PDB file of N, CA and C in Angstrom:
ATOM      1  N   MET A   1      11.809   6.026  29.949  1.00  0.00           N
ATOM      2  CA  MET A   1      11.065   7.036  29.229  1.00  0.00           C
ATOM      3  C   MET A   1       9.624   6.580  29.103  1.00  0.00           C
ATOM      4  N   ALA A   2       8.694   7.457  29.395  1.00  0.00           N
ATOM      5  CA  ALA A   2       7.273   7.118  29.329  1.00  0.00           C
ATOM      6  C   ALA A   2       6.832   7.021  27.869  1.00  0.00           C
ATOM      7  N   THR A   3       5.837   6.166  27.652  1.00  0.00           N
ATOM      8  CA  THR A   3       5.331   6.048  26.286  1.00  0.00           C
ATOM      9  C   THR A   3       4.514   7.287  25.964  1.00  0.00           C
ATOM     10  N   GLU A   4       4.706   7.793  24.765  1.00  0.00           N
ATOM     11  CA  GLU A   4       4.005   8.991  24.347  1.00  0.00           C
ATOM     12  C   GLU A   4       2.689   8.620  23.707  1.00  0.00           C
ATOM     13  N   PHE A   5       1.687   9.450  23.902  1.00  0.00           N
ATOM     14  CA  PHE A   5       0.376   9.191  23.327  1.00  0.00           C
ATOM     15  C   PHE A   5       0.369   9.457  21.826  1.00  0.00           C
ATOM     16  N   ILE A   6       1.029  10.539  21.417  1.00  0.00           N
ATOM     17  CA  ILE A   6       1.057  10.914  20.009  1.00  0.00           C
ATOM     18  C   ILE A   6       2.425  10.556  19.447  1.00  0.00           C
ATOM     19  N   THR A   7       2.432   9.774  18.383  1.00  0.00           N
ATOM     20  CA  THR A   7       3.697   9.415  17.762  1.00  0.00           C
ATOM     21  C   THR A   7       4.103  10.513  16.790  1.00  0.00           C
ATOM     22  N   PRO A   8       5.371  10.906  16.810  1.00  0.00           N
ATOM     23  CA  PRO A   8       5.806  11.982  15.927  1.00  0.00           C
ATOM     24  C   PRO A   8       5.792  11.543  14.457  1.00  0.00           C
ATOM     25  N   ILE A   9       5.664  12.516  13.573  1.00  0.00           N
ATOM     26  CA  ILE A   9       5.689  12.243  12.140  1.00  0.00           C
ATOM     27  C   ILE A   9       7.109  11.883  11.747  1.00  0.00           C
ATOM     28  N   GLN A  10       7.249  10.810  10.995  1.00  0.00           N
ATOM     29  CA  GLN A  10       8.555  10.367  10.525  1.00  0.00           C
ATOM     30  C   GLN A  10       8.839  10.990   9.158  1.00  0.00           C
ATOM     31  N   PRO A  11      10.071  11.426   8.915  1.00  0.00           N
ATOM     32  CA  PRO A  11      10.387  12.003   7.608  1.00  0.00           C
ATOM     33  C   PRO A  11      10.383  10.931   6.520  1.00  0.00           C
ATOM     34  N   LEU A  12      10.058  11.356   5.299  1.00  0.00           N
ATOM     35  CA  LEU A  12      10.109  10.441   4.176  1.00  0.00           C
ATOM     36  C   LEU A  12      11.562  10.111   3.882  1.00  0.00           C
ATOM     37  N   LYS A  13      11.832   8.862   3.524  1.00  0.00           N
ATOM     38  CA  LYS A  13      13.198   8.439   3.246  1.00  0.00           C
ATOM     39  C   LYS A  13      13.383   8.299   1.743  1.00  0.00           C
ATOM     40  N   PHE A  14      14.274   9.097   1.208  1.00  0.00           N
ATOM     41  CA  PHE A  14      14.597   9.007  -0.203  1.00  0.00           C
ATOM     42  C   PHE A  14      15.851   8.152  -0.338  1.00  0.00           C
ATOM     43  N   GLY A  15      16.149   7.734  -1.539  1.00  0.00           N
ATOM     44  CA  GLY A  15      17.314   6.896  -1.805  1.00  0.00           C
ATOM     45  C   GLY A  15      18.612   7.623  -1.483  1.00  0.00           C
ATOM     46  N   ALA A  16      19.720   6.909  -1.656  1.00  0.00           N
ATOM     47  CA  ALA A  16      21.025   7.493  -1.396  1.00  0.00           C
ATOM     48  C   ALA A  16      21.243   8.680  -2.326  1.00  0.00           C
ATOM     49  N   GLY A  17      21.997   9.650  -1.890  1.00  0.00           N
ATOM     50  CA  GLY A  17      22.220  10.869  -2.656  1.00  0.00           C
ATOM     51  C   GLY A  17      22.999  10.612  -3.931  1.00  0.00           C
ATOM     52  N   GLY A  18      23.093  11.643  -4.753  1.00  0.00           N
ATOM     53  CA  GLY A  18      23.849  11.528  -5.986  1.00  0.00           C
ATOM     54  C   GLY A  18      22.950  11.549  -7.197  1.00  0.00           C
ATOM     55  N   ILE A  19      23.587  11.655  -8.359  1.00  0.00           N
ATOM     56  CA  ILE A  19      22.849  11.690  -9.615  1.00  0.00           C
ATOM     57  C   ILE A  19      22.499  10.266 -10.016  1.00  0.00           C
ATOM     58  N   LYS A  20      21.268  10.084 -10.439  1.00  0.00           N
ATOM     59  CA  LYS A  20      20.795   8.758 -10.819  1.00  0.00           C
ATOM     60  C   LYS A  20      20.280   8.821 -12.242  1.00  0.00           C
ATOM     61  N   SER A  21      20.274   7.670 -12.879  1.00  0.00           N
ATOM     62  CA  SER A  21      19.717   7.633 -14.230  1.00  0.00           C
ATOM     63  C   SER A  21      18.213   7.842 -14.165  1.00  0.00           C
ATOM     64  N   THR A  22      17.609   8.180 -15.281  1.00  0.00           N
ATOM     65  CA  THR A  22      16.176   8.446 -15.332  1.00  0.00           C
ATOM     66  C   THR A  22      15.384   7.235 -14.874  1.00  0.00           C
ATOM     67  N   ASN A  23      15.782   6.044 -15.288  1.00  0.00           N
ATOM     68  CA  ASN A  23      15.046   4.833 -14.911  1.00  0.00           C
ATOM     69  C   ASN A  23      15.076   4.607 -13.406  1.00  0.00           C
ATOM     70  N   SER A  24      16.233   4.831 -12.789  1.00  0.00           N
ATOM     71  CA  SER A  24      16.300   4.610 -11.343  1.00  0.00           C
ATOM     72  C   SER A  24      15.494   5.660 -10.593  1.00  0.00           C
ATOM     73  N   VAL A  25      15.472   6.900 -11.107  1.00  0.00           N
ATOM     74  CA  VAL A  25      14.676   7.951 -10.475  1.00  0.00           C
ATOM     75  C   VAL A  25      13.196   7.612 -10.589  1.00  0.00           C
ATOM     76  N   ILE A  26      12.764   7.151 -11.754  1.00  0.00           N
ATOM     77  CA  ILE A  26      11.366   6.775 -11.947  1.00  0.00           C
ATOM     78  C   ILE A  26      11.006   5.597 -11.048  1.00  0.00           C
ATOM     79  N   GLU A  27      11.891   4.610 -10.960  1.00  0.00           N
ATOM     80  CA  GLU A  27      11.625   3.454 -10.104  1.00  0.00           C
ATOM     81  C   GLU A  27      11.540   3.860  -8.645  1.00  0.00           C
ATOM     82  N   GLU A  28      12.437   4.749  -8.205  1.00  0.00           N
ATOM     83  CA  GLU A  28      12.394   5.209  -6.812  1.00  0.00           C
ATOM     84  C   GLU A  28      11.143   6.027  -6.550  1.00  0.00           C
ATOM     85  N   GLY A  29      10.764   6.873  -7.517  1.00  0.00           N
ATOM     86  CA  GLY A  29       9.550   7.671  -7.364  1.00  0.00           C
ATOM     87  C   GLY A  29       8.321   6.797  -7.292  1.00  0.00           C
ATOM     88  N   THR A  30       8.292   5.768  -8.126  1.00  0.00           N
ATOM     89  CA  THR A  30       7.161   4.835  -8.110  1.00  0.00           C
ATOM     90  C   THR A  30       7.103   4.095  -6.787  1.00  0.00           C
ATOM     91  N   ALA A  31       8.262   3.658  -6.315  1.00  0.00           N
ATOM     92  CA  ALA A  31       8.300   2.937  -5.036  1.00  0.00           C
ATOM     93  C   ALA A  31       7.878   3.855  -3.897  1.00  0.00           C
ATOM     94  N   LEU A  32       8.346   5.102  -3.925  1.00  0.00           N
ATOM     95  CA  LEU A  32       7.983   6.052  -2.870  1.00  0.00           C
ATOM     96  C   LEU A  32       6.486   6.331  -2.895  1.00  0.00           C
ATOM     97  N   PHE A  33       5.953   6.563  -4.090  1.00  0.00           N
ATOM     98  CA  PHE A  33       4.521   6.814  -4.253  1.00  0.00           C
ATOM     99  C   PHE A  33       3.710   5.629  -3.734  1.00  0.00           C
ATOM    100  N   LYS A  34       4.121   4.440  -4.103  1.00  0.00           N
ATOM    101  CA  LYS A  34       3.443   3.215  -3.660  1.00  0.00           C
ATOM    102  C   LYS A  34       3.538   3.057  -2.140  1.00  0.00           C
ATOM    103  N   ASP A  35       4.705   3.349  -1.584  1.00  0.00           N
ATOM    104  CA  ASP A  35       4.900   3.211  -0.139  1.00  0.00           C
ATOM    105  C   ASP A  35       4.039   4.192   0.651  1.00  0.00           C
ATOM    106  N   VAL A  36       3.883   5.406   0.130  1.00  0.00           N
ATOM    107  CA  VAL A  36       3.048   6.397   0.823  1.00  0.00           C
ATOM    108  C   VAL A  36       1.614   5.885   0.909  1.00  0.00           C
ATOM    109  N   PHE A  37       1.096   5.370  -0.195  1.00  0.00           N
ATOM    110  CA  PHE A  37      -0.268   4.850  -0.179  1.00  0.00           C
ATOM    111  C   PHE A  37      -0.377   3.581   0.667  1.00  0.00           C
ATOM    112  N   ALA A  38       0.618   2.707   0.585  1.00  0.00           N
ATOM    113  CA  ALA A  38       0.593   1.487   1.405  1.00  0.00           C
ATOM    114  C   ALA A  38       0.603   1.834   2.890  1.00  0.00           C
ATOM    115  N   ASP A  39       1.419   2.818   3.272  1.00  0.00           N
ATOM    116  CA  ASP A  39       1.467   3.245   4.675  1.00  0.00           C
ATOM    117  C   ASP A  39       0.134   3.861   5.110  1.00  0.00           C
ATOM    118  N   ALA A  40      -0.477   4.653   4.228  1.00  0.00           N
ATOM    119  CA  ALA A  40      -1.762   5.269   4.566  1.00  0.00           C
ATOM    120  C   ALA A  40      -2.846   4.199   4.727  1.00  0.00           C
ATOM    121  N   ILE A  41      -2.849   3.218   3.858  1.00  0.00           N
ATOM    122  CA  ILE A  41      -3.836   2.132   3.952  1.00  0.00           C
ATOM    123  C   ILE A  41      -3.615   1.326   5.226  1.00  0.00           C
ATOM    124  N   GLN A  42      -2.353   1.020   5.523  1.00  0.00           N
ATOM    125  CA  GLN A  42      -2.056   0.269   6.747  1.00  0.00           C
ATOM    126  C   GLN A  42      -2.449   1.071   7.986  1.00  0.00           C
ATOM    127  N   ASN A  43      -2.250   2.382   7.943  1.00  0.00           N
ATOM    128  CA  ASN A  43      -2.641   3.243   9.058  1.00  0.00           C
ATOM    129  C   ASN A  43      -4.153   3.193   9.270  1.00  0.00           C
ATOM    130  N   VAL A  44      -4.922   3.202   8.180  1.00  0.00           N
ATOM    131  CA  VAL A  44      -6.381   3.101   8.291  1.00  0.00           C
ATOM    132  C   VAL A  44      -6.765   1.766   8.934  1.00  0.00           C
ATOM    133  N   LYS A  45      -6.139   0.695   8.477  1.00  0.00           N
ATOM    134  CA  LYS A  45      -6.447  -0.627   9.040  1.00  0.00           C
ATOM    135  C   LYS A  45      -6.104  -0.690  10.528  1.00  0.00           C
ATOM    136  N   ASP A  46      -4.937  -0.158  10.892  1.00  0.00           N
ATOM    137  CA  ASP A  46      -4.499  -0.208  12.292  1.00  0.00           C
ATOM    138  C   ASP A  46      -5.409   0.617  13.205  1.00  0.00           C
ATOM    139  N   THR A  47      -5.744   1.830  12.765  1.00  0.00           N
ATOM    140  CA  THR A  47      -6.582   2.676  13.612  1.00  0.00           C
ATOM    141  C   THR A  47      -8.002   2.114  13.707  1.00  0.00           C
ATOM    142  N   GLN A  48      -8.486   1.510  12.632  1.00  0.00           N
ATOM    143  CA  GLN A  48      -9.821   0.899  12.669  1.00  0.00           C
ATOM    144  C   GLN A  48      -9.839  -0.292  13.623  1.00  0.00           C
ATOM    145  N   LYS A  49      -8.783  -1.099  13.587  1.00  0.00           N
ATOM    146  CA  LYS A  49      -8.680  -2.250  14.496  1.00  0.00           C
ATOM    147  C   LYS A  49      -8.596  -1.775  15.944  1.00  0.00           C
ATOM    148  N   ASN A  50      -7.830  -0.720  16.182  1.00  0.00           N
ATOM    149  CA  ASN A  50      -7.716  -0.159  17.530  1.00  0.00           C
ATOM    150  C   ASN A  50      -9.073   0.330  18.025  1.00  0.00           C
ATOM    151  N   LEU A  51      -9.827   1.006  17.150  1.00  0.00           N
ATOM    152  CA  LEU A  51     -11.159   1.481  17.522  1.00  0.00           C
ATOM    153  C   LEU A  51     -12.081   0.316  17.850  1.00  0.00           C
ATOM    154  N   GLU A  52     -12.058  -0.726  17.029  1.00  0.00           N
ATOM    155  CA  GLU A  52     -12.904  -1.889  17.285  1.00  0.00           C
ATOM    156  C   GLU A  52     -12.554  -2.546  18.613  1.00  0.00           C
ATOM    157  N   ASP A  53     -11.258  -2.644  18.920  1.00  0.00           N
ATOM    158  CA  ASP A  53     -10.828  -3.220  20.198  1.00  0.00           C
ATOM    159  C   ASP A  53     -11.327  -2.382  21.377  1.00  0.00           C
ATOM    160  N   LYS A  54     -11.200  -1.058  21.258  1.00  0.00           N
ATOM    161  CA  LYS A  54     -11.652  -0.164  22.341  1.00  0.00           C
ATOM    162  C   LYS A  54     -13.172  -0.257  22.518  1.00  0.00           C
ATOM    163  N   GLN A  55     -13.901  -0.311  21.399  1.00  0.00           N
ATOM    164  CA  GLN A  55     -15.353  -0.428  21.490  1.00  0.00           C
ATOM    165  C   GLN A  55     -15.763  -1.753  22.136  1.00  0.00           C
ATOM    166  N   TYR A  56     -15.057  -2.816  21.816  1.00  0.00           N
ATOM    167  CA  TYR A  56     -15.349  -4.112  22.431  1.00  0.00           C
ATOM    168  C   TYR A  56     -15.101  -4.060  23.939  1.00  0.00           C
ATOM    169  N   LEU A  57     -13.967  -3.492  24.310  1.00  0.00           N
ATOM    170  CA  LEU A  57     -13.654  -3.386  25.736  1.00  0.00           C
ATOM    171  C   LEU A  57     -14.681  -2.530  26.474  1.00  0.00           C
ATOM    172  N   LEU A  58     -15.146  -1.467  25.839  1.00  0.00           N
ATOM    173  CA  LEU A  58     -16.164  -0.612  26.459  1.00  0.00           C
ATOM    174  C   LEU A  58     -17.483  -1.369  26.595  1.00  0.00           C
ATOM    175  N   ALA A  59     -17.863  -2.106  25.549  1.00  0.00           N
ATOM    176  CA  ALA A  59     -19.138  -2.825  25.564  1.00  0.00           C
ATOM    177  C   ALA A  59     -19.142  -3.939  26.604  1.00  0.00           C
ATOM    178  N   THR A  60     -17.991  -4.545  26.849  1.00  0.00           N
ATOM    179  CA  THR A  60     -17.927  -5.634  27.821  1.00  0.00           C
ATOM    180  C   THR A  60     -17.551  -5.159  29.217  1.00  0.00           C
ATOM    181  N   GLY A  61     -17.358  -3.853  29.381  1.00  0.00           N
ATOM    182  CA  GLY A  61     -17.059  -3.300  30.697  1.00  0.00           C
ATOM    183  C   GLY A  61     -15.643  -3.546  31.165  1.00  0.00           C
ATOM    184  N   GLN A  62     -14.733  -3.826  30.262  1.00  0.00           N
ATOM    185  CA  GLN A  62     -13.348  -4.130  30.633  1.00  0.00           C
ATOM    186  C   GLN A  62     -12.412  -2.938  30.520  1.00  0.00           C
ATOM    187  N   ILE A  63     -12.962  -1.773  30.191  1.00  0.00           N
ATOM    188  CA  ILE A  63     -12.109  -0.601  29.994  1.00  0.00           C
ATOM    189  C   ILE A  63     -12.242   0.326  31.198  1.00  0.00           C
ATOM    190  N   ASP A  64     -11.101   0.863  31.632  1.00  0.00           N
ATOM    191  CA  ASP A  64     -11.098   1.732  32.809  1.00  0.00           C
ATOM    192  C   ASP A  64     -11.353   3.197  32.445  1.00  0.00           C
ATOM    193  N   ASP A  65     -10.892   3.608  31.296  1.00  0.00           N
ATOM    194  CA  ASP A  65     -11.030   5.008  30.893  1.00  0.00           C
ATOM    195  C   ASP A  65     -11.814   5.093  29.588  1.00  0.00           C
ATOM    196  N   ALA A  66     -13.069   5.448  29.703  1.00  0.00           N
ATOM    197  CA  ALA A  66     -13.975   5.469  28.551  1.00  0.00           C
ATOM    198  C   ALA A  66     -13.616   6.567  27.553  1.00  0.00           C
ATOM    199  N   HIS A  67     -12.821   7.525  27.945  1.00  0.00           N
ATOM    200  CA  HIS A  67     -12.469   8.614  27.029  1.00  0.00           C
ATOM    201  C   HIS A  67     -11.553   8.152  25.899  1.00  0.00           C
ATOM    202  N   THR A  68     -10.962   6.964  26.014  1.00  0.00           N
ATOM    203  CA  THR A  68     -10.088   6.484  24.944  1.00  0.00           C
ATOM    204  C   THR A  68     -10.874   6.058  23.702  1.00  0.00           C
ATOM    205  N   VAL A  69     -12.159   5.748  23.865  1.00  0.00           N
ATOM    206  CA  VAL A  69     -12.977   5.337  22.716  1.00  0.00           C
ATOM    207  C   VAL A  69     -13.192   6.499  21.743  1.00  0.00           C
ATOM    208  N   PRO A  70     -13.636   7.684  22.190  1.00  0.00           N
ATOM    209  CA  PRO A  70     -13.762   8.787  21.233  1.00  0.00           C
ATOM    210  C   PRO A  70     -12.418   9.226  20.636  1.00  0.00           C
ATOM    211  N   ILE A  71     -11.354   9.090  21.402  1.00  0.00           N
ATOM    212  CA  ILE A  71     -10.028   9.422  20.872  1.00  0.00           C
ATOM    213  C   ILE A  71      -9.668   8.464  19.747  1.00  0.00           C
ATOM    214  N   ALA A  72      -9.915   7.177  19.952  1.00  0.00           N
ATOM    215  CA  ALA A  72      -9.641   6.179  18.910  1.00  0.00           C
ATOM    216  C   ALA A  72     -10.529   6.416  17.693  1.00  0.00           C
ATOM    217  N   ALA A  73     -11.770   6.831  17.913  1.00  0.00           N
ATOM    218  CA  ALA A  73     -12.672   7.127  16.799  1.00  0.00           C
ATOM    219  C   ALA A  73     -12.165   8.326  15.999  1.00  0.00           C
ATOM    220  N   ALA A  74     -11.664   9.331  16.682  1.00  0.00           N
ATOM    221  CA  ALA A  74     -11.124  10.504  15.994  1.00  0.00           C
ATOM    222  C   ALA A  74      -9.876  10.140  15.193  1.00  0.00           C
ATOM    223  N   GLU A  75      -9.019   9.288  15.767  1.00  0.00           N
ATOM    224  CA  GLU A  75      -7.825   8.839  15.037  1.00  0.00           C
ATOM    225  C   GLU A  75      -8.213   8.072  13.781  1.00  0.00           C
ATOM    226  N   ALA A  76      -9.210   7.194  13.900  1.00  0.00           N
ATOM    227  CA  ALA A  76      -9.653   6.410  12.745  1.00  0.00           C
ATOM    228  C   ALA A  76     -10.231   7.330  11.667  1.00  0.00           C
ATOM    229  N   LYS A  77     -11.016   8.313  12.086  1.00  0.00           N
ATOM    230  CA  LYS A  77     -11.601   9.247  11.116  1.00  0.00           C
ATOM    231  C   LYS A  77     -10.522  10.060  10.419  1.00  0.00           C
ATOM    232  N   LEU A  78      -9.538  10.520  11.167  1.00  0.00           N
ATOM    233  CA  LEU A  78      -8.455  11.298  10.569  1.00  0.00           C
ATOM    234  C   LEU A  78      -7.637  10.464   9.584  1.00  0.00           C
ATOM    235  N   SER A  79      -7.403   9.209   9.912  1.00  0.00           N
ATOM    236  CA  SER A  79      -6.620   8.376   8.998  1.00  0.00           C
ATOM    237  C   SER A  79      -7.385   8.115   7.706  1.00  0.00           C
ATOM    238  N   VAL A  80      -8.698   7.933   7.794  1.00  0.00           N
ATOM    239  CA  VAL A  80      -9.506   7.758   6.581  1.00  0.00           C
ATOM    240  C   VAL A  80      -9.533   9.057   5.781  1.00  0.00           C
ATOM    241  N   ASP A  81      -9.685  10.189   6.457  1.00  0.00           N
ATOM    242  CA  ASP A  81      -9.682  11.479   5.769  1.00  0.00           C
ATOM    243  C   ASP A  81      -8.356  11.721   5.042  1.00  0.00           C
ATOM    244  N   LEU A  82      -7.257  11.358   5.685  1.00  0.00           N
ATOM    245  CA  LEU A  82      -5.950  11.511   5.058  1.00  0.00           C
ATOM    246  C   LEU A  82      -5.840  10.646   3.804  1.00  0.00           C
ATOM    247  N   LEU A  83      -6.282   9.413   3.888  1.00  0.00           N
ATOM    248  CA  LEU A  83      -6.236   8.511   2.735  1.00  0.00           C
ATOM    249  C   LEU A  83      -7.086   9.045   1.591  1.00  0.00           C
ATOM    250  N   VAL A  84      -8.257   9.544   1.897  1.00  0.00           N
ATOM    251  CA  VAL A  84      -9.135  10.098   0.861  1.00  0.00           C
ATOM    252  C   VAL A  84      -8.487  11.317   0.207  1.00  0.00           C
ATOM    253  N   GLU A  85      -7.882  12.184   1.006  1.00  0.00           N
ATOM    254  CA  GLU A  85      -7.229  13.362   0.444  1.00  0.00           C
ATOM    255  C   GLU A  85      -6.023  12.985  -0.403  1.00  0.00           C
ATOM    256  N   LEU A  86      -5.274  11.985   0.022  1.00  0.00           N
ATOM    257  CA  LEU A  86      -4.154  11.514  -0.797  1.00  0.00           C
ATOM    258  C   LEU A  86      -4.650  11.003  -2.146  1.00  0.00           C
ATOM    259  N   ARG A  87      -5.721  10.248  -2.109  1.00  0.00           N
ATOM    260  CA  ARG A  87      -6.297   9.736  -3.347  1.00  0.00           C
ATOM    261  C   ARG A  87      -6.771  10.875  -4.243  1.00  0.00           C
ATOM    262  N   ASN A  88      -7.456  11.851  -3.657  1.00  0.00           N
ATOM    263  CA  ASN A  88      -7.959  12.986  -4.437  1.00  0.00           C
ATOM    264  C   ASN A  88      -6.817  13.768  -5.081  1.00  0.00           C
ATOM    265  N   LYS A  89      -5.748  13.990  -4.335  1.00  0.00           N
ATOM    266  CA  LYS A  89      -4.605  14.728  -4.885  1.00  0.00           C
ATOM    267  C   LYS A  89      -3.931  13.932  -5.995  1.00  0.00           C
ATOM    268  N   ALA A  90      -3.836  12.618  -5.836  1.00  0.00           N
ATOM    269  CA  ALA A  90      -3.235  11.790  -6.877  1.00  0.00           C
ATOM    270  C   ALA A  90      -4.078  11.818  -8.146  1.00  0.00           C
ATOM    271  N   VAL A  91      -5.378  11.758  -8.013  1.00  0.00           N
ATOM    272  CA  VAL A  91      -6.273  11.811  -9.173  1.00  0.00           C
ATOM    273  C   VAL A  91      -6.191  13.181  -9.832  1.00  0.00           C
ATOM    274  N   ASP A  92      -6.150  14.244  -9.044  1.00  0.00           N
ATOM    275  CA  ASP A  92      -6.013  15.591  -9.599  1.00  0.00           C
ATOM    276  C   ASP A  92      -4.698  15.742 -10.370  1.00  0.00           C
ATOM    277  N   ALA A  93      -3.618  15.221  -9.813  1.00  0.00           N
ATOM    278  CA  ALA A  93      -2.321  15.295 -10.489  1.00  0.00           C
ATOM    279  C   ALA A  93      -2.349  14.506 -11.794  1.00  0.00           C
ATOM    280  N   TYR A  94      -2.945  13.331 -11.768  1.00  0.00           N
ATOM    281  CA  TYR A  94      -3.057  12.521 -12.984  1.00  0.00           C
ATOM    282  C   TYR A  94      -3.864  13.265 -14.042  1.00  0.00           C
ATOM    283  N   ASN A  95      -4.986  13.841 -13.654  1.00  0.00           N
ATOM    284  CA  ASN A  95      -5.819  14.587 -14.613  1.00  0.00           C
ATOM    285  C   ASN A  95      -5.062  15.784 -15.178  1.00  0.00           C
ATOM    286  N   GLU A  96      -4.279  16.446 -14.360  1.00  0.00           N
ATOM    287  CA  GLU A  96      -3.493  17.578 -14.830  1.00  0.00           C
ATOM    288  C   GLU A  96      -2.438  17.116 -15.842  1.00  0.00           C
ATOM    289  N   LEU A  97      -1.805  15.996 -15.588  1.00  0.00           N
ATOM    290  CA  LEU A  97      -0.840  15.453 -16.540  1.00  0.00           C
ATOM    291  C   LEU A  97      -1.502  15.080 -17.860  1.00  0.00           C
ATOM    292  N   MET A  98      -2.706  14.582 -17.802  1.00  0.00           N
ATOM    293  CA  MET A  98      -3.405  14.199 -19.020  1.00  0.00           C
ATOM    294  C   MET A  98      -3.809  15.424 -19.847  1.00  0.00           C
ATOM    295  N   ARG A  99      -3.943  16.585 -19.220  1.00  0.00           N
ATOM    296  CA  ARG A  99      -4.301  17.811 -19.925  1.00  0.00           C
ATOM    297  C   ARG A  99      -3.113  18.426 -20.673  1.00  0.00           C
ATOM    298  N   ILE A 100      -1.902  18.027 -20.309  1.00  0.00           N
ATOM    299  CA  ILE A 100      -0.715  18.588 -20.942  1.00  0.00           C
ATOM    300  C   ILE A 100      -0.629  18.064 -22.376  1.00  0.00           C
ATOM    301  N   SER A 101      -0.501  18.973 -23.312  1.00  0.00           N
ATOM    302  CA  SER A 101      -0.359  18.543 -24.709  1.00  0.00           C
ATOM    303  C   SER A 101       1.123  18.585 -25.080  1.00  0.00           C
ATOM    304  N   LEU A 102       1.564  17.565 -25.722  1.00  0.00           N
ATOM    305  CA  LEU A 102       2.985  17.492 -26.099  1.00  0.00           C
ATOM    306  C   LEU A 102       3.197  17.928 -27.514  1.00  0.00           C
TER     307      LEU A 102
END
Protein backbone atom coordinates (compact mmCIF):
# COMPACT_ATOMS: atom_id res chain seq x y z
CA MET A 1 0.00 0.00 0.00
CA ALA A 2 1.38 3.40 -0.95
CA THR A 3 1.94 5.98 1.73
CA GLU A 4 -0.77 8.59 1.78
CA PHE A 5 0.05 12.27 1.78
CA ILE A 6 -2.86 13.26 4.01
CA THR A 7 -3.37 11.32 7.21
CA PRO A 8 -7.01 10.70 8.09
CA ILE A 9 -8.53 12.22 11.22
CA GLN A 10 -8.57 9.76 14.09
CA PRO A 11 -11.69 9.55 16.27
CA LEU A 12 -11.47 10.64 19.88
CA LYS A 13 -11.24 7.70 22.27
CA PHE A 14 -13.48 7.81 25.30
CA GLY A 15 -13.26 5.42 28.23
CA ALA A 16 -15.01 2.07 28.42
CA GLY A 17 -18.79 2.27 28.24
CA GLY A 18 -21.15 2.15 31.17
CA ILE A 19 -22.21 4.39 34.01
CA LYS A 20 -19.36 5.95 35.93
CA SER A 21 -19.21 7.87 39.16
CA THR A 22 -18.97 11.65 38.96
CA ASN A 23 -15.30 11.64 39.99
CA SER A 24 -14.31 9.18 37.29
CA VAL A 25 -16.26 11.15 34.66
CA ILE A 26 -14.54 14.37 35.74
CA GLU A 27 -11.13 12.67 35.72
CA GLU A 28 -11.75 11.23 32.25
CA GLY A 29 -13.00 14.59 30.98
CA THR A 30 -9.94 16.32 32.39
CA ALA A 31 -7.65 13.73 30.85
CA LEU A 32 -9.43 14.00 27.49
CA PHE A 33 -9.28 17.80 27.58
CA LYS A 34 -5.58 17.68 28.47
CA ASP A 35 -4.87 15.11 25.75
CA VAL A 36 -6.56 17.22 23.07
CA PHE A 37 -4.36 20.19 23.91
CA ALA A 38 -1.23 18.02 24.26
CA ASP A 39 -1.90 16.49 20.83
CA ALA A 40 -2.47 19.94 19.29
CA ILE A 41 0.77 21.26 20.79
CA GLN A 42 2.70 18.20 19.62
CA ASN A 43 1.19 18.63 16.14
CA VAL A 44 2.44 22.24 16.05
CA LYS A 45 5.92 21.12 17.08
CA ASP A 46 5.99 18.31 14.51
CA THR A 47 4.77 20.42 11.60
CA GLN A 48 7.17 23.24 12.52
CA LYS A 49 10.09 20.79 12.62
CA ASN A 50 9.02 19.35 9.26
CA LEU A 51 8.89 22.86 7.77
CA GLU A 52 12.35 23.69 9.12
CA ASP A 53 13.75 20.45 7.66
CA LYS A 54 12.20 21.18 4.24
CA GLN A 55 13.51 24.75 4.29
CA TYR A 56 17.00 23.51 5.15
CA LEU A 57 16.92 20.98 2.34
CA LEU A 58 15.74 23.66 -0.10
CA ALA A 59 18.43 26.12 1.03
CA THR A 60 21.18 23.54 0.62
CA GLY A 61 19.88 22.30 -2.73
CA GLN A 62 19.18 18.77 -1.49
CA ILE A 63 15.47 18.75 -2.27
CA ASP A 64 14.10 17.40 -5.53
CA ASP A 65 10.58 18.83 -5.35
CA ALA A 66 10.45 22.43 -4.19
CA HIS A 67 6.66 22.39 -3.97
CA THR A 68 6.85 20.46 -0.68
CA VAL A 69 8.12 23.58 1.13
CA PRO A 70 4.93 25.66 0.67
CA ILE A 71 2.86 22.58 1.52
CA ALA A 72 4.80 22.14 4.77
CA ALA A 73 4.37 25.86 5.50
CA ALA A 74 0.61 25.58 5.00
CA GLU A 75 0.46 22.54 7.30
CA ALA A 76 2.41 24.41 9.98
CA LYS A 77 0.13 27.44 9.68
CA LEU A 78 -3.00 25.30 9.91
CA SER A 79 -1.74 23.50 12.99
CA VAL A 80 -0.99 26.81 14.73
CA ASP A 81 -4.40 28.17 13.70
CA LEU A 82 -6.08 25.07 15.12
CA LEU A 83 -4.23 25.42 18.42
CA VAL A 84 -5.17 29.09 18.69
CA GLU A 85 -8.83 28.32 17.98
CA LEU A 86 -8.84 25.54 20.57
CA ARG A 87 -7.42 27.95 23.11
CA ASN A 88 -9.97 30.63 22.21
CA LYS A 89 -12.87 28.19 22.54
CA ALA A 90 -11.58 26.95 25.89
CA VAL A 91 -11.28 30.51 27.20
CA ASP A 92 -14.76 31.36 25.91
CA ALA A 93 -16.21 28.27 27.62
CA TYR A 94 -14.44 29.15 30.87
CA ASN A 95 -15.76 32.73 30.74
CA GLU A 96 -19.27 31.44 30.07
CA LEU A 97 -19.05 29.14 33.10
CA MET A 98 -17.90 32.03 35.25
CA ARG A 99 -20.98 34.04 34.19
CA ILE A 100 -23.35 31.37 35.50
CA SER A 101 -24.78 32.38 38.85
CA LEU A 102 -25.62 29.60 41.26
